[in-house]
Amino acid sequence: MDKQLEDLDENRKQFEQWALDAGLELNRNVYGYAYYSTNTAWRAWVASREVIIVDLPDEMTWREASEKGLQSAYTAGFTDAVLESRVAITSIGLTIGEKSDG
């Protein structure tokens, strides 16, 4: 499955759980959700997620870790955490901030 579709699926699952809890109908048609209120809520949900930008640190190189007196295992763990955070954040429809050059 395409990564964007997987992300949308996770985002939609979260929306639909919220919508059910809020008492909205989840019937769908070719245009989206059959009920105007649910379709509007979905569009607002997606739009609200698009404006949230999460800044994450860069992955750490072995050289950076060494300069800070850290072991290579720390570097690997730190980098894995950053990469897994990216996956988790984008899977719920949020955006990762762009890197800036200082």
PDB file of N, CA and C in Angstrom:
ATOM      1  N   MET A   1       0.851  -1.191   0.000  1.00  0.00           N
ATOM      2  CA  MET A   1       0.000   0.000   0.000  1.00  0.00           C
ATOM      3  C   MET A   1       0.889   1.244   0.000  1.00  0.00           C
ATOM      4  N   ASP A   2       0.485   2.240  -0.728  1.00  0.00           N
ATOM      5  CA  ASP A   2       1.184   3.510  -0.814  1.00  0.00           C
ATOM      6  C   ASP A   2       1.270   4.158   0.571  1.00  0.00           C
ATOM      7  N   LYS A   3       2.424   4.756   0.898  1.00  0.00           N
ATOM      8  CA  LYS A   3       2.639   5.368   2.217  1.00  0.00           C
ATOM      9  C   LYS A   3       1.609   6.455   2.515  1.00  0.00           C
ATOM     10  N   GLN A   4       1.279   7.285   1.533  1.00  0.00           N
ATOM     11  CA  GLN A   4       0.290   8.346   1.760  1.00  0.00           C
ATOM     12  C   GLN A   4      -1.076   7.747   2.074  1.00  0.00           C
ATOM     13  N   LEU A   5      -1.411   6.634   1.405  1.00  0.00           N
ATOM     14  CA  LEU A   5      -2.691   5.985   1.689  1.00  0.00           C
ATOM     15  C   LEU A   5      -2.694   5.386   3.086  1.00  0.00           C
ATOM     16  N   GLU A   6      -1.570   4.806   3.502  1.00  0.00           N
ATOM     17  CA  GLU A   6      -1.472   4.268   4.859  1.00  0.00           C
ATOM     18  C   GLU A   6      -1.664   5.381   5.885  1.00  0.00           C
ATOM     19  N   ASP A   7      -1.020   6.524   5.651  1.00  0.00           N
ATOM     20  CA  ASP A   7      -1.152   7.661   6.559  1.00  0.00           C
ATOM     21  C   ASP A   7      -2.592   8.143   6.613  1.00  0.00           C
ATOM     22  N   LEU A   8      -3.231   8.225   5.444  1.00  0.00           N
ATOM     23  CA  LEU A   8      -4.623   8.660   5.389  1.00  0.00           C
ATOM     24  C   LEU A   8      -5.521   7.670   6.114  1.00  0.00           C
ATOM     25  N   ASP A   9      -5.241   6.381   5.937  1.00  0.00           N
ATOM     26  CA  ASP A   9      -6.036   5.363   6.623  1.00  0.00           C
ATOM     27  C   ASP A   9      -5.950   5.524   8.140  1.00  0.00           C
ATOM     28  N   GLU A  10      -4.762   5.755   8.665  1.00  0.00           N
ATOM     29  CA  GLU A  10      -4.595   5.934  10.110  1.00  0.00           C
ATOM     30  C   GLU A  10      -5.312   7.203  10.569  1.00  0.00           C
ATOM     31  N   ASN A  11      -5.167   8.253   9.803  1.00  0.00           N
ATOM     32  CA  ASN A  11      -5.820   9.518  10.113  1.00  0.00           C
ATOM     33  C   ASN A  11      -7.341   9.337  10.097  1.00  0.00           C
ATOM     34  N   ARG A  12      -7.843   8.643   9.081  1.00  0.00           N
ATOM     35  CA  ARG A  12      -9.285   8.419   8.971  1.00  0.00           C
ATOM     36  C   ARG A  12      -9.785   7.545  10.115  1.00  0.00           C
ATOM     37  N   LYS A  13      -9.014   6.543  10.515  1.00  0.00           N
ATOM     38  CA  LYS A  13      -9.423   5.698  11.652  1.00  0.00           C
ATOM     39  C   LYS A  13      -9.585   6.540  12.911  1.00  0.00           C
ATOM     40  N   GLN A  14      -8.650   7.421  13.140  1.00  0.00           N
ATOM     41  CA  GLN A  14      -8.736   8.280  14.320  1.00  0.00           C
ATOM     42  C   GLN A  14      -9.931   9.221  14.227  1.00  0.00           C
ATOM     43  N   PHE A  15     -10.150   9.776  13.045  1.00  0.00           N
ATOM     44  CA  PHE A  15     -11.308  10.647  12.860  1.00  0.00           C
ATOM     45  C   PHE A  15     -12.604   9.883  13.108  1.00  0.00           C
ATOM     46  N   GLU A  16     -12.708   8.707  12.514  1.00  0.00           N
ATOM     47  CA  GLU A  16     -13.955   7.958  12.631  1.00  0.00           C
ATOM     48  C   GLU A  16     -14.226   7.535  14.072  1.00  0.00           C
ATOM     49  N   GLN A  17     -13.192   7.235  14.825  1.00  0.00           N
ATOM     50  CA  GLN A  17     -13.407   6.927  16.237  1.00  0.00           C
ATOM     51  C   GLN A  17     -13.933   8.155  16.969  1.00  0.00           C
ATOM     52  N   TRP A  18     -13.332   9.301  16.687  1.00  0.00           N
ATOM     53  CA  TRP A  18     -13.806  10.542  17.289  1.00  0.00           C
ATOM     54  C   TRP A  18     -15.244  10.833  16.857  1.00  0.00           C
ATOM     55  N   ALA A  19     -15.523  10.665  15.550  1.00  0.00           N
ATOM     56  CA  ALA A  19     -16.854  10.960  15.014  1.00  0.00           C
ATOM     57  C   ALA A  19     -17.915  10.070  15.650  1.00  0.00           C
ATOM     58  N   LEU A  20     -17.604   8.798  15.817  1.00  0.00           N
ATOM     59  CA  LEU A  20     -18.555   7.896  16.479  1.00  0.00           C
ATOM     60  C   LEU A  20     -18.819   8.351  17.907  1.00  0.00           C
ATOM     61  N   ASP A  21     -17.751   8.686  18.612  1.00  0.00           N
ATOM     62  CA  ASP A  21     -17.899   9.168  19.987  1.00  0.00           C
ATOM     63  C   ASP A  21     -18.725  10.459  20.039  1.00  0.00           C
ATOM     64  N   ALA A  22     -18.657  11.257  18.974  1.00  0.00           N
ATOM     65  CA  ALA A  22     -19.398  12.518  18.915  1.00  0.00           C
ATOM     66  C   ALA A  22     -20.823  12.329  18.381  1.00  0.00           C
ATOM     67  N   GLY A  23     -21.155  11.100  18.017  1.00  0.00           N
ATOM     68  CA  GLY A  23     -22.507  10.809  17.547  1.00  0.00           C
ATOM     69  C   GLY A  23     -22.751  11.096  16.074  1.00  0.00           C
ATOM     70  N   LEU A  24     -21.691  11.209  15.284  1.00  0.00           N
ATOM     71  CA  LEU A  24     -21.849  11.459  13.853  1.00  0.00           C
ATOM     72  C   LEU A  24     -22.058  10.146  13.095  1.00  0.00           C
ATOM     73  N   GLU A  25     -22.766  10.217  11.975  1.00  0.00           N
ATOM     74  CA  GLU A  25     -23.001   9.067  11.108  1.00  0.00           C
ATOM     75  C   GLU A  25     -21.811   8.893  10.164  1.00  0.00           C
ATOM     76  N   LEU A  26     -21.392   7.649   9.938  1.00  0.00           N
ATOM     77  CA  LEU A  26     -20.220   7.399   9.100  1.00  0.00           C
ATOM     78  C   LEU A  26     -20.560   6.829   7.732  1.00  0.00           C
ATOM     79  N   ASN A  27     -21.826   6.849   7.341  1.00  0.00           N
ATOM     80  CA  ASN A  27     -22.202   6.358   6.010  1.00  0.00           C
ATOM     81  C   ASN A  27     -21.450   7.153   4.960  1.00  0.00           C
ATOM     82  N   ARG A  28     -21.018   6.445   3.902  1.00  0.00           N
ATOM     83  CA  ARG A  28     -20.245   7.105   2.849  1.00  0.00           C
ATOM     84  C   ARG A  28     -20.918   6.919   1.500  1.00  0.00           C
ATOM     85  N   ASN A  29     -20.629   7.854   0.603  1.00  0.00           N
ATOM     86  CA  ASN A  29     -21.062   7.753  -0.778  1.00  0.00           C
ATOM     87  C   ASN A  29     -19.871   8.123  -1.662  1.00  0.00           C
ATOM     88  N   VAL A  30     -20.090   8.285  -2.953  1.00  0.00           N
ATOM     89  CA  VAL A  30     -18.973   8.562  -3.863  1.00  0.00           C
ATOM     90  C   VAL A  30     -18.314   9.908  -3.606  1.00  0.00           C
ATOM     91  N   TYR A  31     -18.979  10.792  -2.900  1.00  0.00           N
ATOM     92  CA  TYR A  31     -18.438  12.125  -2.637  1.00  0.00           C
ATOM     93  C   TYR A  31     -17.736  12.239  -1.289  1.00  0.00           C
ATOM     94  N   GLY A  32     -17.819  11.221  -0.485  1.00  0.00           N
ATOM     95  CA  GLY A  32     -17.236  11.261   0.854  1.00  0.00           C
ATOM     96  C   GLY A  32     -18.252  10.732   1.846  1.00  0.00           C
ATOM     97  N   TYR A  33     -18.382  11.408   2.962  1.00  0.00           N
ATOM     98  CA  TYR A  33     -19.375  11.002   3.953  1.00  0.00           C
ATOM     99  C   TYR A  33     -20.744  11.488   3.496  1.00  0.00           C
ATOM    100  N   ALA A  34     -21.745  10.628   3.671  1.00  0.00           N
ATOM    101  CA  ALA A  34     -23.089  10.919   3.174  1.00  0.00           C
ATOM    102  C   ALA A  34     -23.738  12.101   3.899  1.00  0.00           C
ATOM    103  N   TYR A  35     -23.421  12.268   5.164  1.00  0.00           N
ATOM    104  CA  TYR A  35     -24.018  13.351   5.939  1.00  0.00           C
ATOM    105  C   TYR A  35     -23.117  14.587   5.873  1.00  0.00           C
ATOM    106  N   TYR A  36     -23.730  15.718   5.601  1.00  0.00           N
ATOM    107  CA  TYR A  36     -22.998  16.975   5.482  1.00  0.00           C
ATOM    108  C   TYR A  36     -22.169  17.252   6.735  1.00  0.00           C
ATOM    109  N   SER A  37     -22.762  17.026   7.906  1.00  0.00           N
ATOM    110  CA  SER A  37     -22.047  17.328   9.157  1.00  0.00           C
ATOM    111  C   SER A  37     -20.790  16.473   9.296  1.00  0.00           C
ATOM    112  N   THR A  38     -20.867  15.215   8.920  1.00  0.00           N
ATOM    113  CA  THR A  38     -19.693  14.335   9.014  1.00  0.00           C
ATOM    114  C   THR A  38     -18.656  14.720   7.969  1.00  0.00           C
ATOM    115  N   ASN A  39     -19.113  15.006   6.758  1.00  0.00           N
ATOM    116  CA  ASN A  39     -18.181  15.397   5.698  1.00  0.00           C
ATOM    117  C   ASN A  39     -17.467  16.695   6.057  1.00  0.00           C
ATOM    118  N   THR A  40     -18.197  17.641   6.613  1.00  0.00           N
ATOM    119  CA  THR A  40     -17.600  18.909   7.029  1.00  0.00           C
ATOM    120  C   THR A  40     -16.604  18.686   8.172  1.00  0.00           C
ATOM    121  N   ALA A  41     -16.970  17.836   9.097  1.00  0.00           N
ATOM    122  CA  ALA A  41     -16.063  17.524  10.212  1.00  0.00           C
ATOM    123  C   ALA A  41     -14.784  16.869   9.697  1.00  0.00           C
ATOM    124  N   TRP A  42     -14.905  15.964   8.726  1.00  0.00           N
ATOM    125  CA  TRP A  42     -13.734  15.301   8.148  1.00  0.00           C
ATOM    126  C   TRP A  42     -12.822  16.324   7.468  1.00  0.00           C
ATOM    127  N   ARG A  43     -13.412  17.221   6.681  1.00  0.00           N
ATOM    128  CA  ARG A  43     -12.602  18.241   6.015  1.00  0.00           C
ATOM    129  C   ARG A  43     -11.911  19.145   7.030  1.00  0.00           C
ATOM    130  N   ALA A  44     -12.602  19.478   8.090  1.00  0.00           N
ATOM    131  CA  ALA A  44     -11.990  20.305   9.143  1.00  0.00           C
ATOM    132  C   ALA A  44     -10.884  19.529   9.852  1.00  0.00           C
ATOM    133  N   TRP A  45     -11.115  18.242  10.089  1.00  0.00           N
ATOM    134  CA  TRP A  45     -10.114  17.377  10.734  1.00  0.00           C
ATOM    135  C   TRP A  45      -8.826  17.378   9.913  1.00  0.00           C
ATOM    136  N   VAL A  46      -8.947  17.120   8.619  1.00  0.00           N
ATOM    137  CA  VAL A  46      -7.774  17.068   7.740  1.00  0.00           C
ATOM    138  C   VAL A  46      -7.069  18.424   7.711  1.00  0.00           C
ATOM    139  N   ALA A  47      -7.842  19.494   7.554  1.00  0.00           N
ATOM    140  CA  ALA A  47      -7.251  20.837   7.505  1.00  0.00           C
ATOM    141  C   ALA A  47      -6.529  21.176   8.804  1.00  0.00           C
ATOM    142  N   SER A  48      -7.113  20.773   9.930  1.00  0.00           N
ATOM    143  CA  SER A  48      -6.479  21.090  11.211  1.00  0.00           C
ATOM    144  C   SER A  48      -5.157  20.359  11.369  1.00  0.00           C
ATOM    145  N   ARG A  49      -5.078  19.159  10.852  1.00  0.00           N
ATOM    146  CA  ARG A  49      -3.831  18.393  10.937  1.00  0.00           C
ATOM    147  C   ARG A  49      -2.764  18.953  10.003  1.00  0.00           C
ATOM    148  N   GLU A  50      -3.201  19.488   8.875  1.00  0.00           N
ATOM    149  CA  GLU A  50      -2.234  20.010   7.902  1.00  0.00           C
ATOM    150  C   GLU A  50      -1.485  21.228   8.416  1.00  0.00           C
ATOM    151  N   VAL A  51      -2.070  21.982   9.331  1.00  0.00           N
ATOM    152  CA  VAL A  51      -1.402  23.192   9.801  1.00  0.00           C
ATOM    153  C   VAL A  51      -0.504  22.948  11.011  1.00  0.00           C
ATOM    154  N   ILE A  52      -0.549  21.745  11.564  1.00  0.00           N
ATOM    155  CA  ILE A  52       0.326  21.426  12.697  1.00  0.00           C
ATOM    156  C   ILE A  52       1.662  20.945  12.150  1.00  0.00           C
ATOM    157  N   ILE A  53       2.701  21.639  12.512  1.00  0.00           N
ATOM    158  CA  ILE A  53       4.045  21.296  12.052  1.00  0.00           C
ATOM    159  C   ILE A  53       4.888  20.941  13.271  1.00  0.00           C
ATOM    160  N   VAL A  54       5.438  19.746  13.244  1.00  0.00           N
ATOM    161  CA  VAL A  54       6.243  19.244  14.359  1.00  0.00           C
ATOM    162  C   VAL A  54       7.713  19.315  13.965  1.00  0.00           C
ATOM    163  N   ASP A  55       8.502  19.979  14.780  1.00  0.00           N
ATOM    164  CA  ASP A  55       9.941  20.050  14.539  1.00  0.00           C
ATOM    165  C   ASP A  55      10.627  18.917  15.287  1.00  0.00           C
ATOM    166  N   LEU A  56      11.449  18.203  14.583  1.00  0.00           N
ATOM    167  CA  LEU A  56      12.234  17.122  15.180  1.00  0.00           C
ATOM    168  C   LEU A  56      13.715  17.437  14.996  1.00  0.00           C
ATOM    169  N   PRO A  57      14.529  16.926  15.886  1.00  0.00           N
ATOM    170  CA  PRO A  57      15.968  17.123  15.692  1.00  0.00           C
ATOM    171  C   PRO A  57      16.457  16.299  14.506  1.00  0.00           C
ATOM    172  N   ASP A  58      17.588  16.695  13.963  1.00  0.00           N
ATOM    173  CA  ASP A  58      18.221  15.908  12.909  1.00  0.00           C
ATOM    174  C   ASP A  58      18.716  14.601  13.496  1.00  0.00           C
ATOM    175  N   GLU A  59      18.878  13.616  12.627  1.00  0.00           N
ATOM    176  CA  GLU A  59      19.515  12.386  13.073  1.00  0.00           C
ATOM    177  C   GLU A  59      20.945  12.730  13.504  1.00  0.00           C
ATOM    178  N   MET A  60      21.488  11.963  14.415  1.00  0.00           N
ATOM    179  CA  MET A  60      22.822  12.253  14.932  1.00  0.00           C
ATOM    180  C   MET A  60      23.865  11.382  14.230  1.00  0.00           C
ATOM    181  N   THR A  61      24.949  12.013  13.826  1.00  0.00           N
ATOM    182  CA  THR A  61      26.038  11.255  13.225  1.00  0.00           C
ATOM    183  C   THR A  61      26.973  10.738  14.318  1.00  0.00           C
ATOM    184  N   TRP A  62      27.769   9.746  13.955  1.00  0.00           N
ATOM    185  CA  TRP A  62      28.725   9.206  14.919  1.00  0.00           C
ATOM    186  C   TRP A  62      29.685  10.303  15.349  1.00  0.00           C
ATOM    187  N   ARG A  63      30.098  11.151  14.414  1.00  0.00           N
ATOM    188  CA  ARG A  63      31.042  12.230  14.731  1.00  0.00           C
ATOM    189  C   ARG A  63      30.439  13.189  15.758  1.00  0.00           C
ATOM    190  N   GLU A  64      29.162  13.565  15.570  1.00  0.00           N
ATOM    191  CA  GLU A  64      28.505  14.467  16.528  1.00  0.00           C
ATOM    192  C   GLU A  64      28.447  13.837  17.916  1.00  0.00           C
ATOM    193  N   ALA A  65      28.133  12.571  17.968  1.00  0.00           N
ATOM    194  CA  ALA A  65      28.062  11.882  19.256  1.00  0.00           C
ATOM    195  C   ALA A  65      29.436  11.841  19.909  1.00  0.00           C
ATOM    196  N   SER A  66      30.443  11.541  19.119  1.00  0.00           N
ATOM    197  CA  SER A  66      31.808  11.463  19.640  1.00  0.00           C
ATOM    198  C   SER A  66      32.251  12.808  20.199  1.00  0.00           C
ATOM    199  N   GLU A  67      31.911  13.890  19.503  1.00  0.00           N
ATOM    200  CA  GLU A  67      32.280  15.227  19.960  1.00  0.00           C
ATOM    201  C   GLU A  67      31.592  15.581  21.274  1.00  0.00           C
ATOM    202  N   LYS A  68      30.440  14.965  21.523  1.00  0.00           N
ATOM    203  CA  LYS A  68      29.714  15.199  22.773  1.00  0.00           C
ATOM    204  C   LYS A  68      30.069  14.176  23.844  1.00  0.00           C
ATOM    205  N   GLY A  69      31.011  13.289  23.532  1.00  0.00           N
ATOM    206  CA  GLY A  69      31.438  12.281  24.490  1.00  0.00           C
ATOM    207  C   GLY A  69      30.443  11.136  24.642  1.00  0.00           C
ATOM    208  N   LEU A  70      29.627  10.920  23.615  1.00  0.00           N
ATOM    209  CA  LEU A  70      28.621   9.860  23.665  1.00  0.00           C
ATOM    210  C   LEU A  70      29.093   8.637  22.882  1.00  0.00           C
ATOM    211  N   GLN A  71      28.559   7.499  23.224  1.00  0.00           N
ATOM    212  CA  GLN A  71      28.935   6.260  22.555  1.00  0.00           C
ATOM    213  C   GLN A  71      28.118   6.073  21.277  1.00  0.00           C
ATOM    214  N   SER A  72      28.623   5.219  20.393  1.00  0.00           N
ATOM    215  CA  SER A  72      27.948   4.989  19.119  1.00  0.00           C
ATOM    216  C   SER A  72      26.561   4.369  19.316  1.00  0.00           C
ATOM    217  N   ALA A  73      26.382   3.598  20.371  1.00  0.00           N
ATOM    218  CA  ALA A  73      25.063   3.015  20.636  1.00  0.00           C
ATOM    219  C   ALA A  73      24.036   4.116  20.895  1.00  0.00           C
ATOM    220  N   TYR A  74      24.457   5.189  21.533  1.00  0.00           N
ATOM    221  CA  TYR A  74      23.569   6.331  21.765  1.00  0.00           C
ATOM    222  C   TYR A  74      23.139   6.920  20.427  1.00  0.00           C
ATOM    223  N   THR A  75      24.110   7.061  19.517  1.00  0.00           N
ATOM    224  CA  THR A  75      23.821   7.615  18.194  1.00  0.00           C
ATOM    225  C   THR A  75      22.772   6.777  17.482  1.00  0.00           C
ATOM    226  N   ALA A  76      22.949   5.472  17.490  1.00  0.00           N
ATOM    227  CA  ALA A  76      22.008   4.580  16.813  1.00  0.00           C
ATOM    228  C   ALA A  76      20.619   4.691  17.439  1.00  0.00           C
ATOM    229  N   GLY A  77      20.556   4.700  18.759  1.00  0.00           N
ATOM    230  CA  GLY A  77      19.266   4.807  19.437  1.00  0.00           C
ATOM    231  C   GLY A  77      18.585   6.135  19.179  1.00  0.00           C
ATOM    232  N   PHE A  78      19.356   7.202  19.211  1.00  0.00           N
ATOM    233  CA  PHE A  78      18.816   8.541  18.974  1.00  0.00           C
ATOM    234  C   PHE A  78      18.257   8.634  17.557  1.00  0.00           C
ATOM    235  N   THR A  79      19.045   8.178  16.594  1.00  0.00           N
ATOM    236  CA  THR A  79      18.624   8.235  15.197  1.00  0.00           C
ATOM    237  C   THR A  79      17.391   7.369  14.965  1.00  0.00           C
ATOM    238  N   ASP A  80      17.360   6.166  15.545  1.00  0.00           N
ATOM    239  CA  ASP A  80      16.169   5.307  15.422  1.00  0.00           C
ATOM    240  C   ASP A  80      14.938   5.997  15.993  1.00  0.00           C
ATOM    241  N   ALA A  81      15.098   6.658  17.126  1.00  0.00           N
ATOM    242  CA  ALA A  81      13.963   7.348  17.754  1.00  0.00           C
ATOM    243  C   ALA A  81      13.454   8.480  16.871  1.00  0.00           C
ATOM    244  N   VAL A  82      14.360   9.227  16.267  1.00  0.00           N
ATOM    245  CA  VAL A  82      13.954  10.321  15.380  1.00  0.00           C
ATOM    246  C   VAL A  82      13.203   9.762  14.172  1.00  0.00           C
ATOM    247  N   LEU A  83      13.736   8.704  13.576  1.00  0.00           N
ATOM    248  CA  LEU A  83      13.101   8.124  12.388  1.00  0.00           C
ATOM    249  C   LEU A  83      11.741   7.529  12.719  1.00  0.00           C
ATOM    250  N   GLU A  84      11.629   6.825  13.840  1.00  0.00           N
ATOM    251  CA  GLU A  84      10.342   6.251  14.232  1.00  0.00           C
ATOM    252  C   GLU A  84       9.338   7.351  14.598  1.00  0.00           C
ATOM    253  N   SER A  85       9.824   8.433  15.164  1.00  0.00           N
ATOM    254  CA  SER A  85       8.948   9.563  15.474  1.00  0.00           C
ATOM    255  C   SER A  85       8.378  10.159  14.200  1.00  0.00           C
ATOM    256  N   ARG A  86       9.207  10.256  13.174  1.00  0.00           N
ATOM    257  CA  ARG A  86       8.730  10.771  11.884  1.00  0.00           C
ATOM    258  C   ARG A  86       7.573   9.925  11.356  1.00  0.00           C
ATOM    259  N   VAL A  87       7.733   8.614  11.409  1.00  0.00           N
ATOM    260  CA  VAL A  87       6.693   7.708  10.919  1.00  0.00           C
ATOM    261  C   VAL A  87       5.409   7.889  11.726  1.00  0.00           C
ATOM    262  N   ALA A  88       5.524   7.921  13.041  1.00  0.00           N
ATOM    263  CA  ALA A  88       4.346   8.054  13.898  1.00  0.00           C
ATOM    264  C   ALA A  88       3.640   9.390  13.670  1.00  0.00           C
ATOM    265  N   ILE A  89       4.401  10.444  13.542  1.00  0.00           N
ATOM    266  CA  ILE A  89       3.827  11.783  13.377  1.00  0.00           C
ATOM    267  C   ILE A  89       3.106  11.904  12.037  1.00  0.00           C
ATOM    268  N   THR A  90       3.742  11.443  10.961  1.00  0.00           N
ATOM    269  CA  THR A  90       3.100  11.550   9.654  1.00  0.00           C
ATOM    270  C   THR A  90       1.922  10.591   9.527  1.00  0.00           C
ATOM    271  N   SER A  91       1.924   9.486  10.266  1.00  0.00           N
ATOM    272  CA  SER A  91       0.815   8.525  10.167  1.00  0.00           C
ATOM    273  C   SER A  91      -0.491   9.089  10.713  1.00  0.00           C
ATOM    274  N   ILE A  92      -0.421  10.131  11.520  1.00  0.00           N
ATOM    275  CA  ILE A  92      -1.649  10.736  12.034  1.00  0.00           C
ATOM    276  C   ILE A  92      -1.948  12.067  11.353  1.00  0.00           C
ATOM    277  N   GLY A  93      -1.321  12.277  10.205  1.00  0.00           N
ATOM    278  CA  GLY A  93      -1.656  13.430   9.379  1.00  0.00           C
ATOM    279  C   GLY A  93      -0.946  14.721   9.714  1.00  0.00           C
ATOM    280  N   LEU A  94       0.056  14.655  10.587  1.00  0.00           N
ATOM    281  CA  LEU A  94       0.805  15.865  10.924  1.00  0.00           C
ATOM    282  C   LEU A  94       2.003  16.003  10.009  1.00  0.00           C
ATOM    283  N   THR A  95       2.565  17.201   9.953  1.00  0.00           N
ATOM    284  CA  THR A  95       3.681  17.516   9.078  1.00  0.00           C
ATOM    285  C   THR A  95       4.951  17.689   9.889  1.00  0.00           C
ATOM    286  N   ILE A  96       6.038  17.190   9.339  1.00  0.00           N
ATOM    287  CA  ILE A  96       7.356  17.390   9.952  1.00  0.00           C
ATOM    288  C   ILE A  96       7.921  18.688   9.383  1.00  0.00           C
ATOM    289  N   GLY A  97       8.436  19.544  10.278  1.00  0.00           N
ATOM    290  CA  GLY A  97       9.010  20.811   9.838  1.00  0.00           C
ATOM    291  C   GLY A  97      10.226  20.596   8.965  1.00  0.00           C
ATOM    292  N   GLU A  98      10.453  21.570   8.097  1.00  0.00           N
ATOM    293  CA  GLU A  98      11.626  21.497   7.218  1.00  0.00           C
ATOM    294  C   GLU A  98      12.869  21.878   7.998  1.00  0.00           C
ATOM    295  N   LYS A  99      13.968  21.317   7.588  1.00  0.00           N
ATOM    296  CA  LYS A  99      15.247  21.619   8.224  1.00  0.00           C
ATOM    297  C   LYS A  99      15.666  23.031   7.841  1.00  0.00           C
ATOM    298  N   SER A 100      16.205  23.757   8.825  1.00  0.00           N
ATOM    299  CA  SER A 100      16.726  25.086   8.520  1.00  0.00           C
ATOM    300  C   SER A 100      18.237  25.052   8.709  1.00  0.00           C
ATOM    301  N   ASP A 101      18.924  25.870   7.981  1.00  0.00           N
ATOM    302  CA  ASP A 101      20.377  25.913   8.079  1.00  0.00           C
ATOM    303  C   ASP A 101      20.791  26.939   9.120  1.00  0.00           C
ATOM    304  N   GLY A 102      20.501  26.571  10.390  1.00  0.00           N
ATOM    305  CA  GLY A 102      20.943  27.326  11.533  1.00  0.00           C
ATOM    306  C   GLY A 102      20.360  28.656  11.664  1.00  0.00           C
TER     307      GLY A 102
END
